[in-house]
Amino acid sequence: MRISLGGDLDHHEARGLIGKIENRLEDSMPRDCILDMCNVKFMDSSGIAVILRINKRMRELGGRLWVENVPSQPLRVMDAAGIDRLISISSLTK
């Protein structure tokens, strides 16, 4: 399953986004989930919480998560959080 994210991934968007993604996961029960972040313009620590929550849910389902096409600003947030130690991440540019 590929889930494309866009816009700002901040505290205003995070809560609703987690619910929507979890509903999609529950409906389809995928073995693999890719978060495609190519259209994310801004991300703060709430975005990290979204990714970690989805990773946890995928592990509970016996699946795996990875994040692709991360623009530079969200990538800096992820690097600072050390999230790449838990989840495979590929960026648009390093």
PDB file of N, CA and C in Angstrom:
ATOM      1  N   MET A   1       0.842  -1.170   0.000  1.00  0.00           N
ATOM      2  CA  MET A   1       0.000   0.000   0.000  1.00  0.00           C
ATOM      3  C   MET A   1       0.892   1.240   0.000  1.00  0.00           C
ATOM      4  N   ARG A   2       0.584   2.178  -0.847  1.00  0.00           N
ATOM      5  CA  ARG A   2       1.296   3.454  -0.896  1.00  0.00           C
ATOM      6  C   ARG A   2       0.331   4.541  -0.443  1.00  0.00           C
ATOM      7  N   ILE A   3       0.794   5.341   0.520  1.00  0.00           N
ATOM      8  CA  ILE A   3       0.009   6.463   1.017  1.00  0.00           C
ATOM      9  C   ILE A   3       0.800   7.731   0.742  1.00  0.00           C
ATOM     10  N   SER A   4       0.228   8.623  -0.049  1.00  0.00           N
ATOM     11  CA  SER A   4       0.892   9.881  -0.386  1.00  0.00           C
ATOM     12  C   SER A   4       0.458  10.969   0.580  1.00  0.00           C
ATOM     13  N   LEU A   5       1.430  11.667   1.121  1.00  0.00           N
ATOM     14  CA  LEU A   5       1.177  12.770   2.044  1.00  0.00           C
ATOM     15  C   LEU A   5       1.574  14.073   1.379  1.00  0.00           C
ATOM     16  N   GLY A   6       0.912  15.160   1.767  1.00  0.00           N
ATOM     17  CA  GLY A   6       1.241  16.453   1.189  1.00  0.00           C
ATOM     18  C   GLY A   6       0.922  17.590   2.136  1.00  0.00           C
ATOM     19  N   GLY A   7       1.392  18.756   1.783  1.00  0.00           N
ATOM     20  CA  GLY A   7       1.127  19.948   2.586  1.00  0.00           C
ATOM     21  C   GLY A   7       1.980  19.998   3.838  1.00  0.00           C
ATOM     22  N   ASP A   8       1.397  20.515   4.906  1.00  0.00           N
ATOM     23  CA  ASP A   8       2.095  20.642   6.184  1.00  0.00           C
ATOM     24  C   ASP A   8       1.715  19.479   7.091  1.00  0.00           C
ATOM     25  N   LEU A   9       2.711  18.840   7.651  1.00  0.00           N
ATOM     26  CA  LEU A   9       2.500  17.750   8.585  1.00  0.00           C
ATOM     27  C   LEU A   9       2.867  18.272   9.967  1.00  0.00           C
ATOM     28  N   ASP A  10       1.903  18.990  10.564  1.00  0.00           N
ATOM     29  CA  ASP A  10       2.121  19.629  11.861  1.00  0.00           C
ATOM     30  C   ASP A  10       1.027  19.214  12.832  1.00  0.00           C
ATOM     31  N   HIS A  11       1.002  19.824  14.005  1.00  0.00           N
ATOM     32  CA  HIS A  11       0.040  19.401  15.028  1.00  0.00           C
ATOM     33  C   HIS A  11      -1.420  19.615  14.602  1.00  0.00           C
ATOM     34  N   HIS A  12      -1.680  20.535  13.696  1.00  0.00           N
ATOM     35  CA  HIS A  12      -3.045  20.757  13.219  1.00  0.00           C
ATOM     36  C   HIS A  12      -3.535  19.588  12.365  1.00  0.00           C
ATOM     37  N   GLU A  13      -2.639  18.976  11.634  1.00  0.00           N
ATOM     38  CA  GLU A  13      -3.005  17.916  10.694  1.00  0.00           C
ATOM     39  C   GLU A  13      -2.796  16.513  11.256  1.00  0.00           C
ATOM     40  N   ALA A  14      -1.913  16.367  12.231  1.00  0.00           N
ATOM     41  CA  ALA A  14      -1.466  15.041  12.664  1.00  0.00           C
ATOM     42  C   ALA A  14      -2.588  14.156  13.201  1.00  0.00           C
ATOM     43  N   ARG A  15      -3.393  14.658  14.075  1.00  0.00           N
ATOM     44  CA  ARG A  15      -4.424  13.827  14.712  1.00  0.00           C
ATOM     45  C   ARG A  15      -5.385  13.218  13.695  1.00  0.00           C
ATOM     46  N   GLY A  16      -5.911  14.048  12.826  1.00  0.00           N
ATOM     47  CA  GLY A  16      -6.830  13.543  11.810  1.00  0.00           C
ATOM     48  C   GLY A  16      -6.151  12.607  10.832  1.00  0.00           C
ATOM     49  N   LEU A  17      -4.908  12.903  10.507  1.00  0.00           N
ATOM     50  CA  LEU A  17      -4.171  12.083   9.563  1.00  0.00           C
ATOM     51  C   LEU A  17      -3.923  10.684  10.120  1.00  0.00           C
ATOM     52  N   ILE A  18      -3.556  10.594  11.387  1.00  0.00           N
ATOM     53  CA  ILE A  18      -3.328   9.282  12.001  1.00  0.00           C
ATOM     54  C   ILE A  18      -4.598   8.432  11.896  1.00  0.00           C
ATOM     55  N   GLY A  19      -5.735   9.004  12.221  1.00  0.00           N
ATOM     56  CA  GLY A  19      -6.987   8.267  12.139  1.00  0.00           C
ATOM     57  C   GLY A  19      -7.295   7.786  10.732  1.00  0.00           C
ATOM     58  N   LYS A  20      -7.101   8.649   9.751  1.00  0.00           N
ATOM     59  CA  LYS A  20      -7.379   8.276   8.365  1.00  0.00           C
ATOM     60  C   LYS A  20      -6.473   7.148   7.899  1.00  0.00           C
ATOM     61  N   ILE A  21      -5.183   7.257   8.226  1.00  0.00           N
ATOM     62  CA  ILE A  21      -4.246   6.218   7.807  1.00  0.00           C
ATOM     63  C   ILE A  21      -4.546   4.910   8.523  1.00  0.00           C
ATOM     64  N   GLU A  22      -4.800   4.974   9.825  1.00  0.00           N
ATOM     65  CA  GLU A  22      -5.113   3.745  10.551  1.00  0.00           C
ATOM     66  C   GLU A  22      -6.370   3.073  10.001  1.00  0.00           C
ATOM     67  N   ASN A  23      -7.367   3.845   9.608  1.00  0.00           N
ATOM     68  CA  ASN A  23      -8.569   3.270   9.000  1.00  0.00           C
ATOM     69  C   ASN A  23      -8.245   2.551   7.691  1.00  0.00           C
ATOM     70  N   ARG A  24      -7.389   3.166   6.882  1.00  0.00           N
ATOM     71  CA  ARG A  24      -6.989   2.525   5.620  1.00  0.00           C
ATOM     72  C   ARG A  24      -6.235   1.231   5.888  1.00  0.00           C
ATOM     73  N   LEU A  25      -5.366   1.248   6.908  1.00  0.00           N
ATOM     74  CA  LEU A  25      -4.618   0.039   7.255  1.00  0.00           C
ATOM     75  C   LEU A  25      -5.554  -1.061   7.731  1.00  0.00           C
ATOM     76  N   GLU A  26      -6.518  -0.694   8.553  1.00  0.00           N
ATOM     77  CA  GLU A  26      -7.481  -1.680   9.061  1.00  0.00           C
ATOM     78  C   GLU A  26      -8.318  -2.273   7.933  1.00  0.00           C
ATOM     79  N   ASP A  27      -8.690  -1.442   6.963  1.00  0.00           N
ATOM     80  CA  ASP A  27      -9.516  -1.911   5.853  1.00  0.00           C
ATOM     81  C   ASP A  27      -8.770  -2.881   4.945  1.00  0.00           C
ATOM     82  N   SER A  28      -7.488  -2.625   4.703  1.00  0.00           N
ATOM     83  CA  SER A  28      -6.770  -3.435   3.715  1.00  0.00           C
ATOM     84  C   SER A  28      -5.750  -4.400   4.317  1.00  0.00           C
ATOM     85  N   MET A  29      -5.350  -4.206   5.573  1.00  0.00           N
ATOM     86  CA  MET A  29      -4.401  -5.087   6.257  1.00  0.00           C
ATOM     87  C   MET A  29      -3.164  -5.388   5.385  1.00  0.00           C
ATOM     88  N   PRO A  30      -2.455  -4.359   4.918  1.00  0.00           N
ATOM     89  CA  PRO A  30      -1.322  -4.598   4.021  1.00  0.00           C
ATOM     90  C   PRO A  30      -0.124  -5.202   4.749  1.00  0.00           C
ATOM     91  N   ARG A  31       0.718  -5.903   4.013  1.00  0.00           N
ATOM     92  CA  ARG A  31       1.973  -6.415   4.572  1.00  0.00           C
ATOM     93  C   ARG A  31       3.039  -5.314   4.532  1.00  0.00           C
ATOM     94  N   ASP A  32       2.950  -4.444   3.557  1.00  0.00           N
ATOM     95  CA  ASP A  32       3.907  -3.356   3.400  1.00  0.00           C
ATOM     96  C   ASP A  32       3.152  -2.048   3.239  1.00  0.00           C
ATOM     97  N   CYS A  33       3.723  -0.989   3.808  1.00  0.00           N
ATOM     98  CA  CYS A  33       3.139   0.344   3.677  1.00  0.00           C
ATOM     99  C   CYS A  33       4.256   1.327   3.377  1.00  0.00           C
ATOM    100  N   ILE A  34       4.086   2.098   2.338  1.00  0.00           N
ATOM    101  CA  ILE A  34       5.031   3.137   1.965  1.00  0.00           C
ATOM    102  C   ILE A  34       4.355   4.480   2.186  1.00  0.00           C
ATOM    103  N   LEU A  35       4.988   5.330   2.983  1.00  0.00           N
ATOM    104  CA  LEU A  35       4.534   6.718   3.099  1.00  0.00           C
ATOM    105  C   LEU A  35       5.343   7.530   2.098  1.00  0.00           C
ATOM    106  N   ASP A  36       4.693   8.035   1.082  1.00  0.00           N
ATOM    107  CA  ASP A  36       5.341   8.854   0.062  1.00  0.00           C
ATOM    108  C   ASP A  36       5.158  10.315   0.458  1.00  0.00           C
ATOM    109  N   MET A  37       6.246  10.964   0.785  1.00  0.00           N
ATOM    110  CA  MET A  37       6.186  12.325   1.322  1.00  0.00           C
ATOM    111  C   MET A  37       6.621  13.386   0.323  1.00  0.00           C
ATOM    112  N   CYS A  38       6.596  13.071  -0.962  1.00  0.00           N
ATOM    113  CA  CYS A  38       7.142  13.998  -1.960  1.00  0.00           C
ATOM    114  C   CYS A  38       6.464  15.362  -1.956  1.00  0.00           C
ATOM    115  N   ASN A  39       5.233  15.452  -1.495  1.00  0.00           N
ATOM    116  CA  ASN A  39       4.523  16.729  -1.501  1.00  0.00           C
ATOM    117  C   ASN A  39       4.394  17.373  -0.125  1.00  0.00           C
ATOM    118  N   VAL A  40       5.148  16.883   0.850  1.00  0.00           N
ATOM    119  CA  VAL A  40       5.136  17.490   2.186  1.00  0.00           C
ATOM    120  C   VAL A  40       6.031  18.727   2.149  1.00  0.00           C
ATOM    121  N   LYS A  41       5.452  19.862   2.486  1.00  0.00           N
ATOM    122  CA  LYS A  41       6.192  21.129   2.447  1.00  0.00           C
ATOM    123  C   LYS A  41       6.855  21.456   3.781  1.00  0.00           C
ATOM    124  N   PHE A  42       6.206  21.050   4.883  1.00  0.00           N
ATOM    125  CA  PHE A  42       6.709  21.353   6.219  1.00  0.00           C
ATOM    126  C   PHE A  42       6.327  20.208   7.148  1.00  0.00           C
ATOM    127  N   MET A  43       7.235  19.876   8.061  1.00  0.00           N
ATOM    128  CA  MET A  43       6.945  18.864   9.063  1.00  0.00           C
ATOM    129  C   MET A  43       7.600  19.269  10.375  1.00  0.00           C
ATOM    130  N   ASP A  44       6.871  19.060  11.495  1.00  0.00           N
ATOM    131  CA  ASP A  44       7.455  19.269  12.814  1.00  0.00           C
ATOM    132  C   ASP A  44       7.417  17.943  13.572  1.00  0.00           C
ATOM    133  N   SER A  45       7.616  17.976  14.863  1.00  0.00           N
ATOM    134  CA  SER A  45       7.668  16.740  15.647  1.00  0.00           C
ATOM    135  C   SER A  45       6.357  15.961  15.606  1.00  0.00           C
ATOM    136  N   SER A  46       5.264  16.618  15.305  1.00  0.00           N
ATOM    137  CA  SER A  46       3.993  15.908  15.156  1.00  0.00           C
ATOM    138  C   SER A  46       4.048  14.940  13.978  1.00  0.00           C
ATOM    139  N   GLY A  47       4.798  15.292  12.962  1.00  0.00           N
ATOM    140  CA  GLY A  47       4.990  14.390  11.826  1.00  0.00           C
ATOM    141  C   GLY A  47       5.762  13.147  12.227  1.00  0.00           C
ATOM    142  N   ILE A  48       6.735  13.317  13.117  1.00  0.00           N
ATOM    143  CA  ILE A  48       7.476  12.164  13.642  1.00  0.00           C
ATOM    144  C   ILE A  48       6.506  11.238  14.380  1.00  0.00           C
ATOM    145  N   ALA A  49       5.629  11.827  15.172  1.00  0.00           N
ATOM    146  CA  ALA A  49       4.641  11.030  15.915  1.00  0.00           C
ATOM    147  C   ALA A  49       3.748  10.243  14.961  1.00  0.00           C
ATOM    148  N   VAL A  50       3.345  10.847  13.854  1.00  0.00           N
ATOM    149  CA  VAL A  50       2.521  10.149  12.860  1.00  0.00           C
ATOM    150  C   VAL A  50       3.280   8.941  12.317  1.00  0.00           C
ATOM    151  N   ILE A  51       4.512   9.151  11.915  1.00  0.00           N
ATOM    152  CA  ILE A  51       5.312   8.072  11.336  1.00  0.00           C
ATOM    153  C   ILE A  51       5.520   6.948  12.351  1.00  0.00           C
ATOM    154  N   LEU A  52       5.852   7.304  13.586  1.00  0.00           N
ATOM    155  CA  LEU A  52       6.070   6.284  14.610  1.00  0.00           C
ATOM    156  C   LEU A  52       4.795   5.511  14.917  1.00  0.00           C
ATOM    157  N   ARG A  53       3.682   6.180  14.939  1.00  0.00           N
ATOM    158  CA  ARG A  53       2.398   5.518  15.208  1.00  0.00           C
ATOM    159  C   ARG A  53       2.033   4.540  14.095  1.00  0.00           C
ATOM    160  N   ILE A  54       2.257   4.961  12.852  1.00  0.00           N
ATOM    161  CA  ILE A  54       1.964   4.082  11.719  1.00  0.00           C
ATOM    162  C   ILE A  54       2.940   2.911  11.713  1.00  0.00           C
ATOM    163  N   ASN A  55       4.199   3.151  12.040  1.00  0.00           N
ATOM    164  CA  ASN A  55       5.173   2.065  12.129  1.00  0.00           C
ATOM    165  C   ASN A  55       4.745   1.042  13.188  1.00  0.00           C
ATOM    166  N   LYS A  56       4.294   1.520  14.326  1.00  0.00           N
ATOM    167  CA  LYS A  56       3.841   0.631  15.396  1.00  0.00           C
ATOM    168  C   LYS A  56       2.659  -0.213  14.922  1.00  0.00           C
ATOM    169  N   ARG A  57       1.718   0.428  14.266  1.00  0.00           N
ATOM    170  CA  ARG A  57       0.532  -0.297  13.793  1.00  0.00           C
ATOM    171  C   ARG A  57       0.899  -1.338  12.745  1.00  0.00           C
ATOM    172  N   MET A  58       1.814  -0.991  11.842  1.00  0.00           N
ATOM    173  CA  MET A  58       2.252  -1.953  10.829  1.00  0.00           C
ATOM    174  C   MET A  58       2.940  -3.149  11.486  1.00  0.00           C
ATOM    175  N   ARG A  59       3.739  -2.932  12.484  1.00  0.00           N
ATOM    176  CA  ARG A  59       4.384  -4.048  13.195  1.00  0.00           C
ATOM    177  C   ARG A  59       3.332  -4.926  13.862  1.00  0.00           C
ATOM    178  N   GLU A  60       2.304  -4.303  14.440  1.00  0.00           N
ATOM    179  CA  GLU A  60       1.222  -5.078  15.064  1.00  0.00           C
ATOM    180  C   GLU A  60       0.496  -5.951  14.039  1.00  0.00           C
ATOM    181  N   LEU A  61       0.423  -5.468  12.805  1.00  0.00           N
ATOM    182  CA  LEU A  61      -0.218  -6.221  11.730  1.00  0.00           C
ATOM    183  C   LEU A  61       0.726  -7.234  11.088  1.00  0.00           C
ATOM    184  N   GLY A  62       1.976  -7.277  11.560  1.00  0.00           N
ATOM    185  CA  GLY A  62       2.960  -8.190  10.989  1.00  0.00           C
ATOM    186  C   GLY A  62       3.576  -7.673   9.707  1.00  0.00           C
ATOM    187  N   GLY A  63       3.454  -6.381   9.471  1.00  0.00           N
ATOM    188  CA  GLY A  63       3.978  -5.776   8.250  1.00  0.00           C
ATOM    189  C   GLY A  63       5.142  -4.853   8.530  1.00  0.00           C
ATOM    190  N   ARG A  64       5.478  -4.070   7.549  1.00  0.00           N
ATOM    191  CA  ARG A  64       6.583  -3.115   7.692  1.00  0.00           C
ATOM    192  C   ARG A  64       6.244  -1.801   6.995  1.00  0.00           C
ATOM    193  N   LEU A  65       6.919  -0.769   7.449  1.00  0.00           N
ATOM    194  CA  LEU A  65       6.727   0.594   6.927  1.00  0.00           C
ATOM    195  C   LEU A  65       8.053   1.132   6.446  1.00  0.00           C
ATOM    196  N   TRP A  66       8.015   1.877   5.370  1.00  0.00           N
ATOM    197  CA  TRP A  66       9.146   2.708   5.007  1.00  0.00           C
ATOM    198  C   TRP A  66       8.640   4.005   4.425  1.00  0.00           C
ATOM    199  N   VAL A  67       9.534   4.987   4.410  1.00  0.00           N
ATOM    200  CA  VAL A  67       9.188   6.348   4.002  1.00  0.00           C
ATOM    201  C   VAL A  67      10.039   6.701   2.791  1.00  0.00           C
ATOM    202  N   GLU A  68       9.396   7.231   1.765  1.00  0.00           N
ATOM    203  CA  GLU A  68      10.090   7.561   0.526  1.00  0.00           C
ATOM    204  C   GLU A  68       9.875   9.010   0.124  1.00  0.00           C
ATOM    205  N   ASN A  69      10.798   9.484  -0.720  1.00  0.00           N
ATOM    206  CA  ASN A  69      10.690  10.793  -1.375  1.00  0.00           C
ATOM    207  C   ASN A  69      10.543  11.935  -0.383  1.00  0.00           C
ATOM    208  N   VAL A  70      11.389  11.934   0.630  1.00  0.00           N
ATOM    209  CA  VAL A  70      11.303  12.948   1.684  1.00  0.00           C
ATOM    210  C   VAL A  70      12.052  14.210   1.253  1.00  0.00           C
ATOM    211  N   PRO A  71      11.363  15.360   1.173  1.00  0.00           N
ATOM    212  CA  PRO A  71      12.026  16.624   0.853  1.00  0.00           C
ATOM    213  C   PRO A  71      12.987  17.051   1.972  1.00  0.00           C
ATOM    214  N   SER A  72      13.793  18.040   1.696  1.00  0.00           N
ATOM    215  CA  SER A  72      14.881  18.416   2.609  1.00  0.00           C
ATOM    216  C   SER A  72      14.416  18.872   3.994  1.00  0.00           C
ATOM    217  N   GLN A  73      13.378  19.688   4.099  1.00  0.00           N
ATOM    218  CA  GLN A  73      12.969  20.157   5.438  1.00  0.00           C
ATOM    219  C   GLN A  73      12.462  19.024   6.315  1.00  0.00           C
ATOM    220  N   PRO A  74      11.525  18.185   5.832  1.00  0.00           N
ATOM    221  CA  PRO A  74      11.116  17.048   6.655  1.00  0.00           C
ATOM    222  C   PRO A  74      12.272  16.087   6.953  1.00  0.00           C
ATOM    223  N   LEU A  75      13.194  15.946   6.007  1.00  0.00           N
ATOM    224  CA  LEU A  75      14.341  15.066   6.225  1.00  0.00           C
ATOM    225  C   LEU A  75      15.209  15.566   7.380  1.00  0.00           C
ATOM    226  N   ARG A  76      15.384  16.871   7.481  1.00  0.00           N
ATOM    227  CA  ARG A  76      16.165  17.429   8.605  1.00  0.00           C
ATOM    228  C   ARG A  76      15.498  17.107   9.937  1.00  0.00           C
ATOM    229  N   VAL A  77      14.175  17.193   9.992  1.00  0.00           N
ATOM    230  CA  VAL A  77      13.436  16.862  11.215  1.00  0.00           C
ATOM    231  C   VAL A  77      13.627  15.385  11.546  1.00  0.00           C
ATOM    232  N   MET A  78      13.518  14.530  10.547  1.00  0.00           N
ATOM    233  CA  MET A  78      13.701  13.093  10.763  1.00  0.00           C
ATOM    234  C   MET A  78      15.123  12.769  11.208  1.00  0.00           C
ATOM    235  N   ASP A  79      16.101  13.415  10.573  1.00  0.00           N
ATOM    236  CA  ASP A  79      17.497  13.192  10.955  1.00  0.00           C
ATOM    237  C   ASP A  79      17.741  13.598  12.404  1.00  0.00           C
ATOM    238  N   ALA A  80      17.193  14.739  12.804  1.00  0.00           N
ATOM    239  CA  ALA A  80      17.368  15.211  14.178  1.00  0.00           C
ATOM    240  C   ALA A  80      16.743  14.248  15.183  1.00  0.00           C
ATOM    241  N   ALA A  81      15.648  13.617  14.795  1.00  0.00           N
ATOM    242  CA  ALA A  81      14.955  12.677  15.683  1.00  0.00           C
ATOM    243  C   ALA A  81      15.600  11.288  15.660  1.00  0.00           C
ATOM    244  N   GLY A  82      16.446  11.032  14.688  1.00  0.00           N
ATOM    245  CA  GLY A  82      17.074   9.721  14.579  1.00  0.00           C
ATOM    246  C   GLY A  82      16.119   8.625  14.140  1.00  0.00           C
ATOM    247  N   ILE A  83      15.073   9.010  13.455  1.00  0.00           N
ATOM    248  CA  ILE A  83      14.045   8.050  13.063  1.00  0.00           C
ATOM    249  C   ILE A  83      14.563   7.009  12.076  1.00  0.00           C
ATOM    250  N   ASP A  84      15.636   7.316  11.373  1.00  0.00           N
ATOM    251  CA  ASP A  84      16.181   6.370  10.407  1.00  0.00           C
ATOM    252  C   ASP A  84      16.771   5.121  11.067  1.00  0.00           C
ATOM    253  N   ARG A  85      16.938   5.140  12.382  1.00  0.00           N
ATOM    254  CA  ARG A  85      17.379   3.935  13.097  1.00  0.00           C
ATOM    255  C   ARG A  85      16.245   2.928  13.228  1.00  0.00           C
ATOM    256  N   LEU A  86      15.014   3.389  13.052  1.00  0.00           N
ATOM    257  CA  LEU A  86      13.845   2.519  13.205  1.00  0.00           C
ATOM    258  C   LEU A  86      13.153   2.192  11.890  1.00  0.00           C
ATOM    259  N   ILE A  87      13.207   3.140  10.964  1.00  0.00           N
ATOM    260  CA  ILE A  87      12.423   3.045   9.730  1.00  0.00           C
ATOM    261  C   ILE A  87      13.319   3.392   8.546  1.00  0.00           C
ATOM    262  N   SER A  88      13.188   2.643   7.476  1.00  0.00           N
ATOM    263  CA  SER A  88      13.936   2.933   6.254  1.00  0.00           C
ATOM    264  C   SER A  88      13.389   4.202   5.608  1.00  0.00           C
ATOM    265  N   ILE A  89      14.301   5.123   5.282  1.00  0.00           N
ATOM    266  CA  ILE A  89      13.904   6.414   4.715  1.00  0.00           C
ATOM    267  C   ILE A  89      14.734   6.680   3.466  1.00  0.00           C
ATOM    268  N   SER A  90      14.068   7.098   2.402  1.00  0.00           N
ATOM    269  CA  SER A  90      14.792   7.567   1.213  1.00  0.00           C
ATOM    270  C   SER A  90      14.347   8.990   0.929  1.00  0.00           C
ATOM    271  N   SER A  91      15.315   9.817   0.589  1.00  0.00           N
ATOM    272  CA  SER A  91      15.023  11.236   0.381  1.00  0.00           C
ATOM    273  C   SER A  91      15.012  11.577  -1.094  1.00  0.00           C
ATOM    274  N   LEU A  92      14.412  12.738  -1.382  1.00  0.00           N
ATOM    275  CA  LEU A  92      14.472  13.260  -2.750  1.00  0.00           C
ATOM    276  C   LEU A  92      15.889  13.707  -3.049  1.00  0.00           C
ATOM    277  N   THR A  93      16.503  14.387  -2.080  1.00  0.00           N
ATOM    278  CA  THR A  93      17.886  14.833  -2.182  1.00  0.00           C
ATOM    279  C   THR A  93      18.512  14.751  -0.813  1.00  0.00           C
ATOM    280  N   LYS A  94      19.758  14.418  -0.753  1.00  0.00           N
ATOM    281  CA  LYS A  94      20.479  14.364   0.531  1.00  0.00           C
ATOM    282  C   LYS A  94      21.390  15.541   0.635  1.00  0.00           C
TER     283      LYS A  94
END
